């Protein structure tokens, strides 16, 4: 009998409280989770692990989530990896840009 592997979600946010809240909720729903505080860490995790979805903050200490999304979308390996932006930015221009950069959805904080 084959074991079912739960979908894996990478949560990228520099706020530890947000990461803990999101990963706790996802784990309760049956997902496996990975966490990253920085873009550099997120890229390393994505290269080494097979995340099925990325929840990505826009404003991170080492750069913009938009930049990471663009890099992932332009790669043949990660180009189909769905990215949902999570951000406190509630303005229309930022939301539109998130979709233009390749995001599949946008969730406004607080969650």
N, C-alpha and C. Protein backbone atom coordinates (compact mmCIF):
# COMPACT_ATOMS: atom_id res chain seq x y z
N UNK A 1 0.83 -1.17 0.00
CA UNK A 1 0.00 0.00 0.00
C UNK A 1 0.89 1.25 0.00
N UNK A 2 0.65 2.14 -0.94
CA UNK A 2 1.44 3.36 -1.05
C UNK A 2 1.00 4.37 0.00
N UNK A 3 1.97 5.02 0.60
CA UNK A 3 1.66 6.05 1.57
C UNK A 3 1.39 7.36 0.84
N UNK A 4 0.39 8.07 1.29
CA UNK A 4 0.04 9.36 0.70
C UNK A 4 0.94 10.45 1.30
N UNK A 5 1.59 11.18 0.44
CA UNK A 5 2.43 12.29 0.88
C UNK A 5 1.59 13.57 0.84
N UNK A 6 1.45 14.25 1.99
CA UNK A 6 0.64 15.48 1.99
C UNK A 6 1.31 16.58 1.17
N UNK A 7 0.53 17.46 0.57
CA UNK A 7 1.11 18.59 -0.16
C UNK A 7 1.97 19.43 0.79
N UNK A 8 3.07 19.96 0.24
CA UNK A 8 4.02 20.74 1.03
C UNK A 8 3.92 22.22 0.66
N UNK A 9 3.76 23.06 1.67
CA UNK A 9 3.66 24.51 1.48
C UNK A 9 4.87 25.17 2.13
N UNK A 10 5.57 25.99 1.36
CA UNK A 10 6.67 26.79 1.87
C UNK A 10 6.12 28.16 2.25
N UNK A 11 6.29 28.54 3.52
CA UNK A 11 5.82 29.83 4.02
C UNK A 11 7.04 30.74 4.16
N UNK A 12 7.05 31.83 3.38
CA UNK A 12 8.19 32.75 3.38
C UNK A 12 7.71 34.09 3.94
N UNK A 13 8.15 34.38 5.16
CA UNK A 13 7.74 35.62 5.82
C UNK A 13 8.78 35.94 6.88
N UNK A 14 9.13 37.21 7.03
CA UNK A 14 10.13 37.58 8.03
C UNK A 14 9.53 37.71 9.43
N UNK A 15 8.21 37.66 9.55
CA UNK A 15 7.57 37.74 10.85
C UNK A 15 7.34 36.34 11.40
N UNK A 16 8.01 36.02 12.49
CA UNK A 16 7.93 34.68 13.08
C UNK A 16 6.50 34.33 13.50
N UNK A 17 5.76 35.30 14.00
CA UNK A 17 4.38 35.06 14.41
C UNK A 17 3.49 34.67 13.25
N UNK A 18 3.67 35.34 12.13
CA UNK A 18 2.90 35.00 10.93
C UNK A 18 3.26 33.60 10.44
N UNK A 19 4.56 33.30 10.41
CA UNK A 19 4.98 31.96 9.98
C UNK A 19 4.38 30.89 10.88
N UNK A 20 4.43 31.12 12.20
CA UNK A 20 3.91 30.13 13.13
C UNK A 20 2.40 29.96 12.96
N UNK A 21 1.67 31.05 12.83
CA UNK A 21 0.22 30.97 12.65
C UNK A 21 -0.13 30.20 11.38
N UNK A 22 0.51 30.57 10.28
CA UNK A 22 0.19 29.93 8.99
C UNK A 22 0.58 28.46 9.00
N UNK A 23 1.77 28.14 9.49
CA UNK A 23 2.19 26.73 9.48
C UNK A 23 1.32 25.89 10.41
N UNK A 24 0.90 26.45 11.53
CA UNK A 24 0.02 25.73 12.44
C UNK A 24 -1.32 25.43 11.78
N UNK A 25 -1.88 26.42 11.11
CA UNK A 25 -3.17 26.23 10.43
C UNK A 25 -3.04 25.21 9.29
N UNK A 26 -1.97 25.30 8.54
CA UNK A 26 -1.77 24.37 7.42
C UNK A 26 -1.56 22.94 7.93
N UNK A 27 -0.78 22.79 8.99
CA UNK A 27 -0.54 21.46 9.55
C UNK A 27 -1.85 20.86 10.05
N UNK A 28 -2.69 21.67 10.68
CA UNK A 28 -3.98 21.19 11.16
C UNK A 28 -4.88 20.74 10.01
N UNK A 29 -4.66 21.32 8.84
CA UNK A 29 -5.45 20.96 7.66
C UNK A 29 -4.82 19.80 6.88
N UNK A 30 -3.70 19.27 7.38
CA UNK A 30 -3.10 18.10 6.76
C UNK A 30 -1.95 18.36 5.80
N UNK A 31 -1.49 19.59 5.71
CA UNK A 31 -0.37 19.93 4.84
C UNK A 31 0.94 19.75 5.59
N UNK A 32 2.01 19.46 4.86
CA UNK A 32 3.33 19.57 5.46
C UNK A 32 3.83 20.97 5.13
N UNK A 33 4.70 21.50 5.98
CA UNK A 33 5.13 22.88 5.78
C UNK A 33 6.64 23.01 5.92
N UNK A 34 7.15 24.01 5.26
CA UNK A 34 8.53 24.44 5.40
C UNK A 34 8.48 25.94 5.64
N UNK A 35 9.51 26.49 6.28
CA UNK A 35 9.52 27.91 6.59
C UNK A 35 10.83 28.55 6.13
N UNK A 36 10.72 29.81 5.73
CA UNK A 36 11.90 30.62 5.43
C UNK A 36 11.63 32.06 5.85
N UNK A 37 12.65 32.68 6.40
CA UNK A 37 12.55 34.07 6.84
C UNK A 37 13.10 35.03 5.78
N UNK A 38 13.99 34.52 4.94
CA UNK A 38 14.66 35.34 3.93
C UNK A 38 14.50 34.73 2.54
N UNK A 39 14.63 35.57 1.53
CA UNK A 39 14.54 35.09 0.14
C UNK A 39 15.63 34.06 -0.15
N UNK A 40 16.84 34.33 0.33
CA UNK A 40 17.95 33.41 0.09
C UNK A 40 17.63 32.02 0.64
N UNK A 41 17.08 31.98 1.84
CA UNK A 41 16.71 30.69 2.44
C UNK A 41 15.60 30.02 1.63
N UNK A 42 14.64 30.81 1.19
CA UNK A 42 13.52 30.27 0.40
C UNK A 42 14.04 29.63 -0.89
N UNK A 43 14.95 30.29 -1.58
CA UNK A 43 15.49 29.73 -2.81
C UNK A 43 16.23 28.43 -2.56
N UNK A 44 16.99 28.38 -1.47
CA UNK A 44 17.71 27.15 -1.11
C UNK A 44 16.73 26.01 -0.85
N UNK A 45 15.69 26.30 -0.09
CA UNK A 45 14.69 25.28 0.22
C UNK A 45 14.00 24.81 -1.05
N UNK A 46 13.63 25.72 -1.92
CA UNK A 46 12.94 25.35 -3.15
C UNK A 46 13.83 24.48 -4.03
N UNK A 47 15.12 24.76 -4.05
CA UNK A 47 16.05 23.95 -4.86
C UNK A 47 16.25 22.55 -4.28
N UNK A 48 16.18 22.41 -2.96
CA UNK A 48 16.45 21.13 -2.32
C UNK A 48 15.20 20.30 -2.06
N UNK A 49 14.07 20.96 -1.90
CA UNK A 49 12.83 20.26 -1.53
C UNK A 49 11.79 20.48 -2.63
N UNK A 50 10.78 19.69 -2.58
CA UNK A 50 9.74 19.83 -3.60
C UNK A 50 8.48 20.41 -2.98
N UNK A 51 8.45 21.71 -2.82
CA UNK A 51 7.26 22.39 -2.33
C UNK A 51 6.21 22.36 -3.43
N UNK A 52 4.95 22.26 -3.02
CA UNK A 52 3.85 22.26 -3.97
C UNK A 52 3.22 23.64 -4.12
N UNK A 53 3.52 24.53 -3.17
CA UNK A 53 2.95 25.87 -3.15
C UNK A 53 3.86 26.75 -2.31
N UNK A 54 3.96 28.04 -2.67
CA UNK A 54 4.72 29.00 -1.86
C UNK A 54 3.78 30.12 -1.44
N UNK A 55 3.75 30.38 -0.14
CA UNK A 55 3.09 31.57 0.40
C UNK A 55 4.20 32.57 0.65
N UNK A 56 4.18 33.68 -0.07
CA UNK A 56 5.34 34.57 -0.15
C UNK A 56 4.99 36.00 0.24
N UNK A 57 5.67 36.49 1.28
CA UNK A 57 5.53 37.89 1.67
C UNK A 57 6.24 38.75 0.62
N UNK A 58 5.81 39.98 0.48
CA UNK A 58 6.43 40.88 -0.51
C UNK A 58 7.67 41.57 0.06
N UNK A 59 7.57 42.06 1.28
CA UNK A 59 8.65 42.84 1.88
C UNK A 59 9.46 41.97 2.84
N UNK A 60 10.66 41.63 2.41
CA UNK A 60 11.55 40.80 3.22
C UNK A 60 12.87 41.53 3.41
N UNK A 61 13.60 41.22 4.48
CA UNK A 61 14.83 41.95 4.78
C UNK A 61 15.87 41.91 3.65
N UNK A 62 15.90 40.82 2.88
CA UNK A 62 16.93 40.72 1.84
C UNK A 62 16.38 40.94 0.43
N UNK A 63 15.20 41.54 0.33
CA UNK A 63 14.69 41.88 -1.00
C UNK A 63 13.18 41.77 -1.10
N UNK A 64 12.73 41.80 -2.34
CA UNK A 64 11.30 41.79 -2.63
C UNK A 64 10.83 40.40 -3.04
N UNK A 65 9.70 40.00 -2.50
CA UNK A 65 9.09 38.74 -2.92
C UNK A 65 8.77 38.74 -4.41
N UNK A 66 8.54 39.93 -4.97
CA UNK A 66 8.29 40.02 -6.41
C UNK A 66 9.49 39.50 -7.20
N UNK A 67 10.70 39.82 -6.73
CA UNK A 67 11.91 39.38 -7.41
C UNK A 67 12.03 37.85 -7.39
N UNK A 68 11.76 37.26 -6.23
CA UNK A 68 11.83 35.81 -6.13
C UNK A 68 10.78 35.17 -7.03
N UNK A 69 9.59 35.69 -7.01
CA UNK A 69 8.52 35.15 -7.85
C UNK A 69 8.94 35.17 -9.32
N UNK A 70 9.48 36.27 -9.76
CA UNK A 70 9.92 36.42 -11.15
C UNK A 70 11.00 35.39 -11.49
N UNK A 71 11.96 35.20 -10.58
CA UNK A 71 13.02 34.21 -10.82
C UNK A 71 12.45 32.80 -10.90
N UNK A 72 11.55 32.48 -9.99
CA UNK A 72 10.96 31.14 -9.99
C UNK A 72 10.13 30.91 -11.25
N UNK A 73 9.36 31.90 -11.65
CA UNK A 73 8.50 31.76 -12.82
C UNK A 73 9.31 31.64 -14.11
N UNK A 74 10.51 32.19 -14.14
CA UNK A 74 11.31 32.14 -15.36
C UNK A 74 12.15 30.87 -15.47
N UNK A 75 12.13 30.05 -14.43
CA UNK A 75 12.91 28.81 -14.43
C UNK A 75 12.09 27.66 -15.00
N UNK A 76 12.73 26.82 -15.77
CA UNK A 76 12.06 25.65 -16.30
C UNK A 76 11.70 24.65 -15.21
N UNK A 77 12.43 24.67 -14.12
CA UNK A 77 12.19 23.73 -13.02
C UNK A 77 11.06 24.19 -12.11
N UNK A 78 11.02 25.48 -11.80
CA UNK A 78 10.04 26.00 -10.84
C UNK A 78 8.98 26.88 -11.49
N UNK A 79 8.99 26.95 -12.80
CA UNK A 79 8.07 27.86 -13.50
C UNK A 79 6.60 27.59 -13.27
N UNK A 80 6.25 26.37 -12.92
CA UNK A 80 4.83 26.07 -12.69
C UNK A 80 4.47 26.02 -11.20
N UNK A 81 5.42 26.36 -10.34
CA UNK A 81 5.18 26.37 -8.90
C UNK A 81 4.23 27.52 -8.56
N UNK A 82 3.05 27.22 -7.99
CA UNK A 82 2.12 28.30 -7.67
C UNK A 82 2.60 29.12 -6.48
N UNK A 83 2.43 30.44 -6.61
CA UNK A 83 2.85 31.37 -5.57
C UNK A 83 1.66 32.23 -5.18
N UNK A 84 1.37 32.26 -3.88
CA UNK A 84 0.34 33.13 -3.34
C UNK A 84 1.05 34.18 -2.50
N UNK A 85 0.85 35.44 -2.84
CA UNK A 85 1.45 36.51 -2.07
C UNK A 85 0.64 36.75 -0.80
N UNK A 86 1.34 36.99 0.31
CA UNK A 86 0.71 37.40 1.56
C UNK A 86 1.39 38.69 1.99
N UNK A 87 0.60 39.74 2.17
CA UNK A 87 1.19 41.04 2.46
C UNK A 87 0.20 41.93 3.18
N UNK A 88 0.72 42.87 3.95
CA UNK A 88 -0.10 43.88 4.60
C UNK A 88 -0.47 44.98 3.61
N UNK A 89 0.20 45.03 2.47
CA UNK A 89 -0.12 46.03 1.45
C UNK A 89 -1.52 45.75 0.91
N UNK A 90 -2.39 46.74 1.03
CA UNK A 90 -3.78 46.55 0.63
C UNK A 90 -4.16 47.40 -0.57
N UNK A 91 -3.18 48.04 -1.19
CA UNK A 91 -3.50 48.91 -2.31
C UNK A 91 -3.63 48.13 -3.62
N UNK A 92 -4.43 48.63 -4.50
CA UNK A 92 -4.74 47.95 -5.76
C UNK A 92 -3.50 47.77 -6.63
N UNK A 93 -2.64 48.78 -6.69
CA UNK A 93 -1.44 48.68 -7.54
C UNK A 93 -0.55 47.51 -7.13
N UNK A 94 -0.37 47.30 -5.83
CA UNK A 94 0.46 46.19 -5.36
C UNK A 94 -0.18 44.86 -5.70
N UNK A 95 -1.48 44.77 -5.53
CA UNK A 95 -2.19 43.52 -5.85
C UNK A 95 -2.10 43.21 -7.34
N UNK A 96 -2.28 44.21 -8.17
CA UNK A 96 -2.17 44.01 -9.62
C UNK A 96 -0.76 43.57 -9.97
N UNK A 97 0.23 44.20 -9.39
CA UNK A 97 1.63 43.83 -9.67
C UNK A 97 1.89 42.38 -9.26
N UNK A 98 1.32 41.95 -8.14
CA UNK A 98 1.52 40.57 -7.69
C UNK A 98 1.07 39.58 -8.76
N UNK A 99 -0.04 39.84 -9.39
CA UNK A 99 -0.52 38.96 -10.45
C UNK A 99 0.33 39.10 -11.71
N UNK A 100 0.76 40.31 -12.01
CA UNK A 100 1.63 40.52 -13.18
C UNK A 100 2.96 39.80 -13.02
N UNK A 101 3.45 39.71 -11.79
CA UNK A 101 4.73 39.05 -11.53
C UNK A 101 4.62 37.53 -11.53
N UNK A 102 3.39 37.01 -11.57
CA UNK A 102 3.21 35.57 -11.66
C UNK A 102 2.49 34.93 -10.49
N UNK A 103 2.05 35.72 -9.52
CA UNK A 103 1.30 35.18 -8.40
C UNK A 103 -0.05 34.65 -8.86
N UNK A 104 -0.53 33.62 -8.19
CA UNK A 104 -1.84 33.05 -8.53
C UNK A 104 -2.94 33.58 -7.62
N UNK A 105 -2.55 34.20 -6.49
CA UNK A 105 -3.53 34.79 -5.61
C UNK A 105 -2.81 35.77 -4.68
N UNK A 106 -3.60 36.53 -3.92
CA UNK A 106 -3.07 37.55 -3.03
C UNK A 106 -3.92 37.57 -1.78
N UNK A 107 -3.28 37.42 -0.62
CA UNK A 107 -3.99 37.42 0.65
C UNK A 107 -3.45 38.58 1.46
N UNK A 108 -4.36 39.39 2.00
CA UNK A 108 -3.97 40.56 2.77
C UNK A 108 -3.88 40.22 4.25
N UNK A 109 -2.77 40.65 4.86
CA UNK A 109 -2.59 40.50 6.31
C UNK A 109 -3.33 41.63 7.00
N UNK A 110 -3.78 41.45 8.22
CA UNK A 110 -3.60 40.24 9.02
C UNK A 110 -4.48 39.12 8.48
N UNK A 111 -3.98 37.90 8.64
CA UNK A 111 -4.69 36.73 8.14
C UNK A 111 -5.85 36.37 9.05
